[in-house]
């Protein structure tokens, strides 16, 4: 008798919890309009004024509702040109770091900053030391190489850049 009552109570509590959680799952918290880029200005002691005009008290509601403007595709910012990146301070780099960067440059890879290449090299060395396969490393190395602002997919595929980073790091940086 006690087992049956316990099972029934457990099922009832589970159903109640499911019902409560489902009631909280309403997705009405998202914004329904696009914010405007005009700002409000305030002077000392004044509350900010609303950007939208106040509704007319004497106006009668209109049966016709205007449709929102057609959604335009947002502008995509231009990429930062590589000549706009300040030159890296290579005087603090060690011999191993310089050797790795020089080997990458010889194979056609010029990262926008040495930090990017050195972090990829460090990832390869750590992954290799941990016993990760080249295929496992290639996925992330290629992603990191492709995220470099100076990477140009027109010059070489991202997989090729990842392979160059992987091989060069194993040959020059991980020793």
N, C-alpha and C. Protein backbone atom coordinates (compact mmCIF):
# COMPACT_ATOMS: atom_id res chain seq x y z
N UNK A 1 0.82 -1.19 0.00
CA UNK A 1 0.00 0.00 0.00
C UNK A 1 0.87 1.26 0.00
N UNK A 2 1.92 1.24 0.83
CA UNK A 2 2.79 2.40 0.90
C UNK A 2 3.55 2.62 -0.40
N UNK A 3 3.91 1.55 -1.05
CA UNK A 3 4.63 1.69 -2.32
C UNK A 3 3.75 2.32 -3.39
N UNK A 4 2.54 1.91 -3.47
CA UNK A 4 1.62 2.45 -4.47
C UNK A 4 1.35 3.92 -4.20
N UNK A 5 1.13 4.27 -2.94
CA UNK A 5 0.85 5.65 -2.58
C UNK A 5 2.09 6.52 -2.89
N UNK A 6 3.27 6.02 -2.63
CA UNK A 6 4.49 6.75 -2.91
C UNK A 6 4.70 6.96 -4.40
N UNK A 7 4.37 5.94 -5.18
CA UNK A 7 4.50 6.08 -6.63
C UNK A 7 3.51 7.09 -7.17
N UNK A 8 2.28 7.04 -6.67
CA UNK A 8 1.25 7.98 -7.12
C UNK A 8 1.66 9.41 -6.75
N UNK A 9 2.16 9.59 -5.54
CA UNK A 9 2.58 10.92 -5.10
C UNK A 9 3.78 11.40 -5.95
N UNK A 10 4.69 10.50 -6.26
CA UNK A 10 5.84 10.87 -7.08
C UNK A 10 5.42 11.31 -8.47
N UNK A 11 4.47 10.58 -9.06
CA UNK A 11 3.97 10.93 -10.38
C UNK A 11 3.23 12.26 -10.32
N UNK A 12 2.44 12.47 -9.28
CA UNK A 12 1.69 13.73 -9.13
C UNK A 12 2.64 14.91 -8.99
N UNK A 13 3.69 14.74 -8.19
CA UNK A 13 4.66 15.82 -8.01
C UNK A 13 5.39 16.08 -9.32
N UNK A 14 5.76 15.05 -10.06
CA UNK A 14 6.45 15.23 -11.34
C UNK A 14 5.56 15.95 -12.34
N UNK A 15 4.28 15.60 -12.39
CA UNK A 15 3.35 16.28 -13.30
C UNK A 15 3.16 17.74 -12.90
N UNK A 16 3.07 18.00 -11.61
CA UNK A 16 2.90 19.37 -11.15
C UNK A 16 4.14 20.20 -11.50
N UNK A 17 5.32 19.63 -11.29
CA UNK A 17 6.55 20.35 -11.61
C UNK A 17 6.64 20.60 -13.10
N UNK A 18 6.27 19.63 -13.91
CA UNK A 18 6.29 19.79 -15.36
C UNK A 18 5.32 20.89 -15.78
N UNK A 19 4.14 20.90 -15.19
CA UNK A 19 3.16 21.94 -15.51
C UNK A 19 3.64 23.32 -15.13
N UNK A 20 4.28 23.45 -13.97
CA UNK A 20 4.80 24.74 -13.54
C UNK A 20 5.93 25.21 -14.44
N UNK A 21 6.81 24.30 -14.79
CA UNK A 21 7.93 24.69 -15.66
C UNK A 21 7.44 25.03 -17.06
N UNK A 22 6.44 24.33 -17.54
CA UNK A 22 5.91 24.63 -18.87
C UNK A 22 5.23 25.99 -18.88
N UNK A 23 4.61 26.36 -17.79
CA UNK A 23 3.95 27.66 -17.71
C UNK A 23 4.98 28.78 -17.71
N UNK A 24 6.16 28.52 -17.21
CA UNK A 24 7.21 29.54 -17.18
C UNK A 24 7.94 29.66 -18.51
N UNK A 25 7.68 28.79 -19.44
CA UNK A 25 8.44 28.75 -20.68
C UNK A 25 7.92 29.64 -21.77
N UNK A 26 7.03 30.59 -21.48
CA UNK A 26 6.50 31.46 -22.50
C UNK A 26 7.63 32.34 -23.04
N UNK A 27 7.71 32.50 -24.33
CA UNK A 27 8.82 33.20 -24.96
C UNK A 27 8.42 34.61 -25.37
N UNK A 28 7.70 35.32 -24.52
CA UNK A 28 7.27 36.69 -24.83
C UNK A 28 8.29 37.73 -24.42
N UNK A 29 9.46 37.32 -23.97
CA UNK A 29 10.43 38.28 -23.46
C UNK A 29 11.31 38.87 -24.56
N UNK A 30 11.11 38.48 -25.79
CA UNK A 30 11.96 39.02 -26.86
C UNK A 30 11.45 40.37 -27.31
N UNK A 31 12.34 41.18 -27.84
CA UNK A 31 11.98 42.50 -28.32
C UNK A 31 11.15 42.37 -29.58
N UNK A 32 10.18 43.24 -29.73
CA UNK A 32 9.32 43.14 -30.89
C UNK A 32 9.51 44.28 -31.87
N UNK A 33 10.41 45.20 -31.57
CA UNK A 33 10.66 46.28 -32.50
C UNK A 33 12.14 46.58 -32.55
N UNK A 34 12.53 47.26 -33.60
CA UNK A 34 13.93 47.62 -33.78
C UNK A 34 14.18 48.95 -33.09
N UNK A 35 15.22 49.03 -32.26
CA UNK A 35 15.49 50.30 -31.59
C UNK A 35 15.98 51.34 -32.58
N UNK A 36 15.69 52.58 -32.28
CA UNK A 36 16.15 53.64 -33.16
C UNK A 36 17.53 54.09 -32.71
N UNK A 37 18.25 54.70 -33.61
CA UNK A 37 19.59 55.15 -33.31
C UNK A 37 19.62 56.57 -32.78
N UNK A 38 18.46 57.22 -32.69
CA UNK A 38 18.43 58.57 -32.16
C UNK A 38 18.41 58.49 -30.65
N UNK A 39 19.20 59.30 -30.04
CA UNK A 39 19.28 59.28 -28.58
C UNK A 39 18.46 60.40 -28.00
N UNK A 40 18.22 60.33 -26.72
CA UNK A 40 17.52 61.40 -26.03
C UNK A 40 18.53 62.16 -25.22
N UNK A 41 18.35 63.44 -25.18
CA UNK A 41 19.26 64.26 -24.38
C UNK A 41 18.50 64.79 -23.20
N UNK A 42 19.20 64.93 -22.12
CA UNK A 42 18.58 65.48 -20.92
C UNK A 42 19.45 66.60 -20.41
N UNK A 43 18.79 67.54 -19.81
CA UNK A 43 19.55 68.58 -19.13
C UNK A 43 19.39 68.36 -17.64
N UNK A 44 20.18 68.99 -16.87
CA UNK A 44 20.17 68.77 -15.43
C UNK A 44 18.79 69.03 -14.86
N UNK A 45 18.29 68.05 -14.13
CA UNK A 45 17.00 68.20 -13.46
C UNK A 45 15.81 67.84 -14.30
N UNK A 46 15.98 67.50 -15.57
CA UNK A 46 14.85 67.14 -16.41
C UNK A 46 14.87 65.66 -16.69
N UNK A 47 13.71 65.10 -16.79
CA UNK A 47 13.59 63.69 -17.16
C UNK A 47 13.72 63.60 -18.66
N UNK A 48 14.23 62.48 -19.18
CA UNK A 48 14.35 62.34 -20.62
C UNK A 48 12.98 62.35 -21.28
N UNK A 49 12.89 63.00 -22.42
CA UNK A 49 11.62 63.04 -23.13
C UNK A 49 11.53 61.83 -24.04
N UNK A 50 10.33 61.41 -24.30
CA UNK A 50 10.10 60.24 -25.13
C UNK A 50 10.33 60.60 -26.59
N UNK A 51 10.92 59.70 -27.34
CA UNK A 51 11.17 59.95 -28.76
C UNK A 51 9.88 59.87 -29.56
N UNK A 52 8.90 59.13 -29.06
CA UNK A 52 7.63 59.00 -29.76
C UNK A 52 6.66 60.05 -29.25
N UNK A 53 5.86 60.65 -30.13
CA UNK A 53 4.89 61.64 -29.67
C UNK A 53 3.79 60.97 -28.85
N UNK A 54 3.25 61.73 -27.92
CA UNK A 54 2.18 61.21 -27.08
C UNK A 54 0.92 61.07 -27.92
N UNK A 55 0.11 60.02 -27.66
CA UNK A 55 -1.11 59.85 -28.45
C UNK A 55 -2.09 60.97 -28.16
N UNK A 56 -2.84 61.36 -29.18
CA UNK A 56 -3.84 62.41 -29.07
C UNK A 56 -5.03 61.87 -28.29
N UNK A 57 -5.45 62.58 -27.28
CA UNK A 57 -6.55 62.13 -26.43
C UNK A 57 -7.87 62.13 -27.18
N UNK A 58 -8.05 63.07 -28.11
CA UNK A 58 -9.33 63.20 -28.81
C UNK A 58 -9.41 62.35 -30.07
N UNK A 59 -8.34 61.74 -30.45
CA UNK A 59 -8.33 60.97 -31.69
C UNK A 59 -9.12 59.68 -31.52
N UNK A 60 -9.79 59.31 -32.57
CA UNK A 60 -10.53 58.05 -32.56
C UNK A 60 -9.64 56.97 -33.13
N UNK A 61 -9.75 55.77 -32.62
CA UNK A 61 -8.89 54.72 -33.14
C UNK A 61 -9.19 54.43 -34.60
N UNK A 62 -8.17 54.23 -35.35
CA UNK A 62 -8.31 53.95 -36.77
C UNK A 62 -8.40 52.44 -36.98
N UNK A 63 -9.19 52.03 -37.89
CA UNK A 63 -9.33 50.61 -38.19
C UNK A 63 -8.15 50.14 -39.04
N UNK A 64 -7.50 51.08 -39.68
CA UNK A 64 -6.39 50.73 -40.55
C UNK A 64 -5.09 50.85 -39.76
N UNK A 65 -4.31 49.80 -39.77
CA UNK A 65 -3.04 49.79 -39.08
C UNK A 65 -1.95 49.72 -40.13
N UNK A 66 -0.98 50.59 -40.02
CA UNK A 66 0.08 50.58 -41.02
C UNK A 66 1.04 49.43 -40.72
N UNK A 67 1.56 48.84 -41.76
CA UNK A 67 2.50 47.73 -41.63
C UNK A 67 3.87 48.28 -41.29
N UNK A 68 4.64 47.51 -40.53
CA UNK A 68 6.00 47.99 -40.23
C UNK A 68 6.83 48.03 -41.51
N UNK A 69 7.85 48.87 -41.53
CA UNK A 69 8.67 48.96 -42.75
C UNK A 69 9.35 47.63 -43.03
N UNK A 70 9.62 47.40 -44.29
CA UNK A 70 10.26 46.14 -44.69
C UNK A 70 11.62 46.03 -44.02
N UNK A 71 11.91 44.84 -43.59
CA UNK A 71 13.18 44.61 -42.90
C UNK A 71 14.31 44.70 -43.90
N UNK A 72 15.28 45.54 -43.60
CA UNK A 72 16.44 45.68 -44.45
C UNK A 72 17.58 44.86 -43.86
N UNK A 73 18.43 44.39 -44.71
CA UNK A 73 19.56 43.63 -44.20
C UNK A 73 20.51 44.60 -43.51
N UNK A 74 20.98 44.23 -42.32
CA UNK A 74 21.87 45.14 -41.61
C UNK A 74 23.19 45.28 -42.35
N UNK A 75 23.78 46.46 -42.22
CA UNK A 75 25.06 46.69 -42.87
C UNK A 75 26.13 45.88 -42.19
N UNK A 76 26.99 45.33 -42.99
CA UNK A 76 28.10 44.55 -42.46
C UNK A 76 29.34 45.44 -42.46
N UNK A 77 30.01 45.54 -41.34
CA UNK A 77 31.18 46.42 -41.31
C UNK A 77 32.29 45.88 -42.20
N UNK A 78 33.07 46.80 -42.72
CA UNK A 78 34.20 46.43 -43.57
C UNK A 78 35.29 45.80 -42.70
N UNK A 79 36.01 44.79 -43.22
CA UNK A 79 37.11 44.22 -42.43
C UNK A 79 38.23 45.24 -42.26
N UNK A 80 38.94 45.10 -41.18
CA UNK A 80 40.05 45.99 -40.90
C UNK A 80 41.19 45.65 -41.84
N UNK A 81 41.69 46.62 -42.57
CA UNK A 81 42.82 46.33 -43.47
C UNK A 81 44.04 45.94 -42.65
N UNK A 82 44.82 45.03 -43.18
CA UNK A 82 45.96 44.51 -42.42
C UNK A 82 47.03 45.57 -42.23
N UNK A 83 47.08 46.59 -43.08
CA UNK A 83 48.07 47.64 -42.87
C UNK A 83 47.67 48.59 -41.76
N UNK A 84 46.41 48.48 -41.26
CA UNK A 84 45.96 49.33 -40.16
C UNK A 84 46.32 48.73 -38.81
N UNK A 85 46.74 47.47 -38.79
CA UNK A 85 47.14 46.83 -37.55
C UNK A 85 48.53 47.33 -37.18
N UNK A 86 48.71 47.78 -35.95
CA UNK A 86 50.03 48.28 -35.59
C UNK A 86 51.06 47.17 -35.64
N UNK A 87 52.30 47.50 -35.98
CA UNK A 87 53.33 46.47 -36.06
C UNK A 87 53.57 45.86 -34.69
N UNK A 88 53.82 44.57 -34.69
CA UNK A 88 54.03 43.85 -33.44
C UNK A 88 55.43 44.11 -32.92
N UNK A 89 55.53 44.08 -31.62
CA UNK A 89 56.83 44.25 -30.99
C UNK A 89 57.50 42.88 -30.93
N UNK A 90 58.37 42.62 -31.88
CA UNK A 90 59.02 41.32 -31.95
C UNK A 90 60.27 41.24 -31.11
N UNK A 91 60.63 42.33 -30.45
CA UNK A 91 61.86 42.30 -29.63
C UNK A 91 61.68 41.45 -28.38
N UNK A 92 60.45 41.24 -27.95
CA UNK A 92 60.21 40.43 -26.75
C UNK A 92 60.05 38.95 -27.07
N UNK A 93 60.11 38.59 -28.35
CA UNK A 93 59.92 37.19 -28.74
C UNK A 93 61.23 36.43 -28.55
N UNK A 94 61.09 35.17 -28.17
CA UNK A 94 62.26 34.31 -28.03
C UNK A 94 62.71 33.78 -29.37
N UNK A 95 63.84 33.11 -29.38
CA UNK A 95 64.38 32.54 -30.61
C UNK A 95 63.44 31.51 -31.20
N UNK A 96 62.85 30.68 -30.33
CA UNK A 96 61.92 29.65 -30.80
C UNK A 96 60.70 30.31 -31.45
N UNK A 97 60.20 31.40 -30.86
CA UNK A 97 59.05 32.11 -31.43
C UNK A 97 59.39 32.68 -32.80
N UNK A 98 60.55 33.33 -32.90
CA UNK A 98 60.96 33.93 -34.17
C UNK A 98 61.17 32.87 -35.25
N UNK A 99 61.74 31.74 -34.86
CA UNK A 99 61.97 30.65 -35.81
C UNK A 99 60.64 30.12 -36.35
N UNK A 100 59.65 29.99 -35.47
CA UNK A 100 58.31 29.52 -35.86
C UNK A 100 57.66 30.52 -36.81
N UNK A 101 57.71 31.80 -36.47
CA UNK A 101 57.10 32.83 -37.31
C UNK A 101 57.79 32.93 -38.67
N UNK A 102 59.11 32.80 -38.67
CA UNK A 102 59.85 32.83 -39.94
C UNK A 102 59.51 31.63 -40.81
N UNK A 103 59.34 30.46 -40.20
CA UNK A 103 58.98 29.26 -40.97
C UNK A 103 57.57 29.40 -41.55
N UNK A 104 56.67 30.02 -40.80
CA UNK A 104 55.32 30.25 -41.33
C UNK A 104 55.37 31.23 -42.50
N UNK A 105 56.15 32.29 -42.37
CA UNK A 105 56.26 33.28 -43.44
C UNK A 105 56.85 32.66 -44.70
N UNK A 106 57.80 31.74 -44.53
CA UNK A 106 58.40 31.07 -45.68
C UNK A 106 57.39 30.20 -46.42
N UNK A 107 56.36 29.74 -45.71
CA UNK A 107 55.33 28.91 -46.32
C UNK A 107 54.10 29.72 -46.73
N UNK A 108 54.18 31.04 -46.65
CA UNK A 108 53.10 31.89 -47.14
C UNK A 108 52.08 32.31 -46.11
N UNK A 109 52.35 32.11 -44.83
CA UNK A 109 51.41 32.50 -43.77
C UNK A 109 51.99 33.70 -43.03
N UNK A 110 51.29 34.82 -43.09
CA UNK A 110 51.69 36.01 -42.34
C UNK A 110 50.54 36.41 -41.44
N UNK A 111 50.57 36.02 -40.17
CA UNK A 111 49.48 36.37 -39.26
C UNK A 111 49.45 37.87 -39.00
N UNK A 112 48.28 38.38 -38.64
CA UNK A 112 48.16 39.81 -38.39
C UNK A 112 48.96 40.23 -37.16
N UNK A 113 49.05 39.36 -36.17
CA UNK A 113 49.90 39.61 -35.00
C UNK A 113 50.60 38.31 -34.64
N UNK A 114 51.80 38.38 -34.08
CA UNK A 114 52.49 37.15 -33.69
C UNK A 114 51.73 36.36 -32.63
N UNK A 115 50.94 37.06 -31.82
CA UNK A 115 50.20 36.37 -30.76
C UNK A 115 49.27 35.30 -31.31
N UNK A 116 48.67 35.57 -32.46
CA UNK A 116 47.75 34.60 -33.05
C UNK A 116 48.50 33.33 -33.43
N UNK A 117 49.60 33.50 -34.14
CA UNK A 117 50.38 32.34 -34.58
C UNK A 117 50.97 31.59 -33.39
N UNK A 118 51.45 32.32 -32.40
CA UNK A 118 52.05 31.68 -31.24
C UNK A 118 51.02 30.92 -30.41
N UNK A 119 49.80 31.44 -30.34
CA UNK A 119 48.76 30.70 -29.60
C UNK A 119 48.36 29.43 -30.35
N UNK A 120 48.35 29.48 -31.68
CA UNK A 120 48.06 28.28 -32.46
C UNK A 120 49.19 27.27 -32.27
N UNK A 121 50.43 27.74 -32.32
CA UNK A 121 51.57 26.85 -32.10
C UNK A 121 51.53 26.22 -30.71
N UNK A 122 51.21 27.00 -29.70
CA UNK A 122 51.12 26.47 -28.33
C UNK A 122 50.01 25.42 -28.23
N UNK A 123 48.88 25.68 -28.93
CA UNK A 123 47.78 24.71 -28.92
C UNK A 123 48.22 23.38 -29.55
N UNK A 124 48.94 23.46 -30.65
CA UNK A 124 49.42 22.24 -31.32
C UNK A 124 50.36 21.47 -30.40
N UNK A 125 51.28 22.17 -29.75
CA UNK A 125 52.23 21.50 -28.86
C UNK A 125 51.53 20.86 -27.67
N UNK A 126 50.59 21.56 -27.07
CA UNK A 126 49.85 21.01 -25.93
C UNK A 126 49.00 19.82 -26.35
N UNK A 127 48.34 19.94 -27.50
CA UNK A 127 47.51 18.83 -27.98
C UNK A 127 48.34 17.61 -28.33
N UNK A 128 49.48 17.82 -28.94
CA UNK A 128 50.36 16.71 -29.29
C UNK A 128 50.90 16.04 -28.03
N UNK A 129 51.26 16.85 -27.04
CA UNK A 129 51.77 16.29 -25.79
C UNK A 129 50.70 15.50 -25.05
N UNK A 130 49.44 15.89 -25.24
CA UNK A 130 48.33 15.20 -24.59
C UNK A 130 47.89 13.95 -25.36
N UNK A 131 48.49 13.74 -26.55
CA UNK A 131 48.17 12.54 -27.33
C UNK A 131 47.03 12.71 -28.31
N UNK A 132 46.64 13.94 -28.61
CA UNK A 132 45.56 14.16 -29.57
C UNK A 132 46.06 13.84 -30.98
N UNK A 133 45.17 13.31 -31.79
CA UNK A 133 45.54 12.97 -33.17
C UNK A 133 45.63 14.24 -34.01
N UNK A 134 46.35 14.14 -35.12
CA UNK A 134 46.47 15.28 -36.03
C UNK A 134 45.09 15.69 -36.56
N UNK A 135 44.22 14.74 -36.79
CA UNK A 135 42.88 15.05 -37.30
C UNK A 135 42.08 15.85 -36.27
N UNK A 136 42.20 15.48 -34.99
CA UNK A 136 41.51 16.24 -33.95
C UNK A 136 42.07 17.65 -33.86
N UNK A 137 43.37 17.78 -33.94
CA UNK A 137 44.01 19.09 -33.87
C UNK A 137 43.66 19.94 -35.09
N UNK A 138 43.58 19.32 -36.26
CA UNK A 138 43.33 20.06 -37.50
C UNK A 138 42.02 20.85 -37.47
N UNK A 139 41.00 20.29 -36.84
CA UNK A 139 39.71 20.98 -36.79
C UNK A 139 39.86 22.34 -36.13
N UNK A 140 40.50 22.36 -34.96
CA UNK A 140 40.62 23.60 -34.22
C UNK A 140 41.71 24.51 -34.79
N UNK A 141 42.80 23.92 -35.26
CA UNK A 141 43.87 24.73 -35.83
C UNK A 141 43.36 25.44 -37.08
N UNK A 142 42.61 24.75 -37.92
CA UNK A 142 42.05 25.38 -39.12
C UNK A 142 41.09 26.50 -38.75
N UNK A 143 40.29 26.28 -37.72
CA UNK A 143 39.35 27.32 -37.28
C UNK A 143 40.10 28.54 -36.77
N UNK A 144 41.15 28.32 -36.00
CA UNK A 144 41.93 29.45 -35.48
C UNK A 144 42.65 30.17 -36.62
N UNK A 145 43.18 29.42 -37.57
CA UNK A 145 43.88 30.05 -38.70
C UNK A 145 42.91 30.86 -39.54
N UNK A 146 41.71 30.35 -39.74
CA UNK A 146 40.71 31.06 -40.53
C UNK A 146 40.14 32.28 -39.85
N UNK A 147 40.26 32.35 -38.52
CA UNK A 147 39.73 33.51 -37.80
C UNK A 147 40.72 34.66 -37.73
N UNK A 148 41.93 34.46 -38.20
CA UNK A 148 42.92 35.53 -38.24
C UNK A 148 42.45 36.58 -39.25
N UNK A 149 42.42 37.86 -38.86
CA UNK A 149 41.95 38.89 -39.79
C UNK A 149 42.77 38.99 -41.07
N UNK A 150 44.02 38.58 -41.04
CA UNK A 150 44.84 38.68 -42.25
C UNK A 150 44.71 37.46 -43.15
N UNK A 151 43.96 36.44 -42.72
CA UNK A 151 43.80 35.23 -43.55
C UNK A 151 42.96 35.58 -44.77
N UNK A 152 43.44 35.19 -45.93
CA UNK A 152 42.73 35.44 -47.19
C UNK A 152 42.40 34.10 -47.84
N UNK A 153 41.12 33.71 -47.84
CA UNK A 153 40.75 32.43 -48.43
C UNK A 153 40.98 32.38 -49.94
N UNK A 154 41.21 33.52 -50.57
CA UNK A 154 41.49 33.52 -52.00
C UNK A 154 42.91 33.03 -52.27
N UNK A 155 43.80 33.17 -51.28
CA UNK A 155 45.18 32.73 -51.46
C UNK A 155 45.35 31.24 -51.23
N UNK A 156 44.66 30.72 -50.22
CA UNK A 156 44.75 29.29 -49.92
C UNK A 156 43.53 28.87 -49.10
N UNK A 157 43.11 27.62 -49.21
CA UNK A 157 42.00 27.14 -48.40
C UNK A 157 42.39 27.11 -46.92
N UNK A 158 41.42 27.24 -46.06
CA UNK A 158 41.69 27.27 -44.62
C UNK A 158 42.27 25.95 -44.14
N UNK A 159 41.90 24.86 -44.79
CA UNK A 159 42.46 23.55 -44.41
C UNK A 159 43.96 23.50 -44.69
N UNK A 160 44.38 24.11 -45.80
CA UNK A 160 45.80 24.15 -46.13
C UNK A 160 46.56 25.01 -45.11
N UNK A 161 45.98 26.13 -44.72
CA UNK A 161 46.62 26.98 -43.71
C UNK A 161 46.72 26.23 -42.39
N UNK A 162 45.67 25.51 -42.04
CA UNK A 162 45.71 24.72 -40.81
C UNK A 162 46.79 23.65 -40.85
N UNK A 163 46.94 23.01 -42.00
CA UNK A 163 47.98 21.98 -42.17
C UNK A 163 49.37 22.60 -42.05
N UNK A 164 49.56 23.78 -42.62
CA UNK A 164 50.86 24.46 -42.52
C UNK A 164 51.16 24.80 -41.06
N UNK A 165 50.18 25.34 -40.35
CA UNK A 165 50.38 25.65 -38.93
C UNK A 165 50.73 24.39 -38.15
N UNK A 166 49.99 23.31 -38.39
CA UNK A 166 50.20 22.07 -37.65
C UNK A 166 51.60 21.51 -37.90
N UNK A 167 51.95 21.38 -39.17
CA UNK A 167 53.27 20.81 -39.50
C UNK A 167 54.42 21.70 -39.03
N UNK A 168 54.28 23.01 -39.23
CA UNK A 168 55.35 23.93 -38.86
C UNK A 168 55.52 23.97 -37.33
N UNK A 169 54.43 23.95 -36.61
CA UNK A 169 54.53 23.97 -35.15
C UNK A 169 55.21 22.70 -34.64
N UNK A 170 54.86 21.56 -35.22
CA UNK A 170 55.48 20.31 -34.79
C UNK A 170 56.97 20.29 -35.12
N UNK A 171 57.36 20.89 -36.23
CA UNK A 171 58.76 20.87 -36.66
C UNK A 171 59.62 21.89 -35.93
N UNK A 172 59.07 23.07 -35.67
CA UNK A 172 59.93 24.14 -35.14
C UNK A 172 59.56 24.60 -33.74
N UNK A 173 58.30 24.50 -33.35
CA UNK A 173 57.87 25.14 -32.10
C UNK A 173 57.75 24.17 -30.94
N UNK A 174 57.44 22.93 -31.21
CA UNK A 174 57.21 21.96 -30.14
C UNK A 174 58.48 21.27 -29.66
N UNK A 175 59.60 21.58 -30.23
CA UNK A 175 60.85 20.90 -29.83
C UNK A 175 61.47 21.52 -28.60
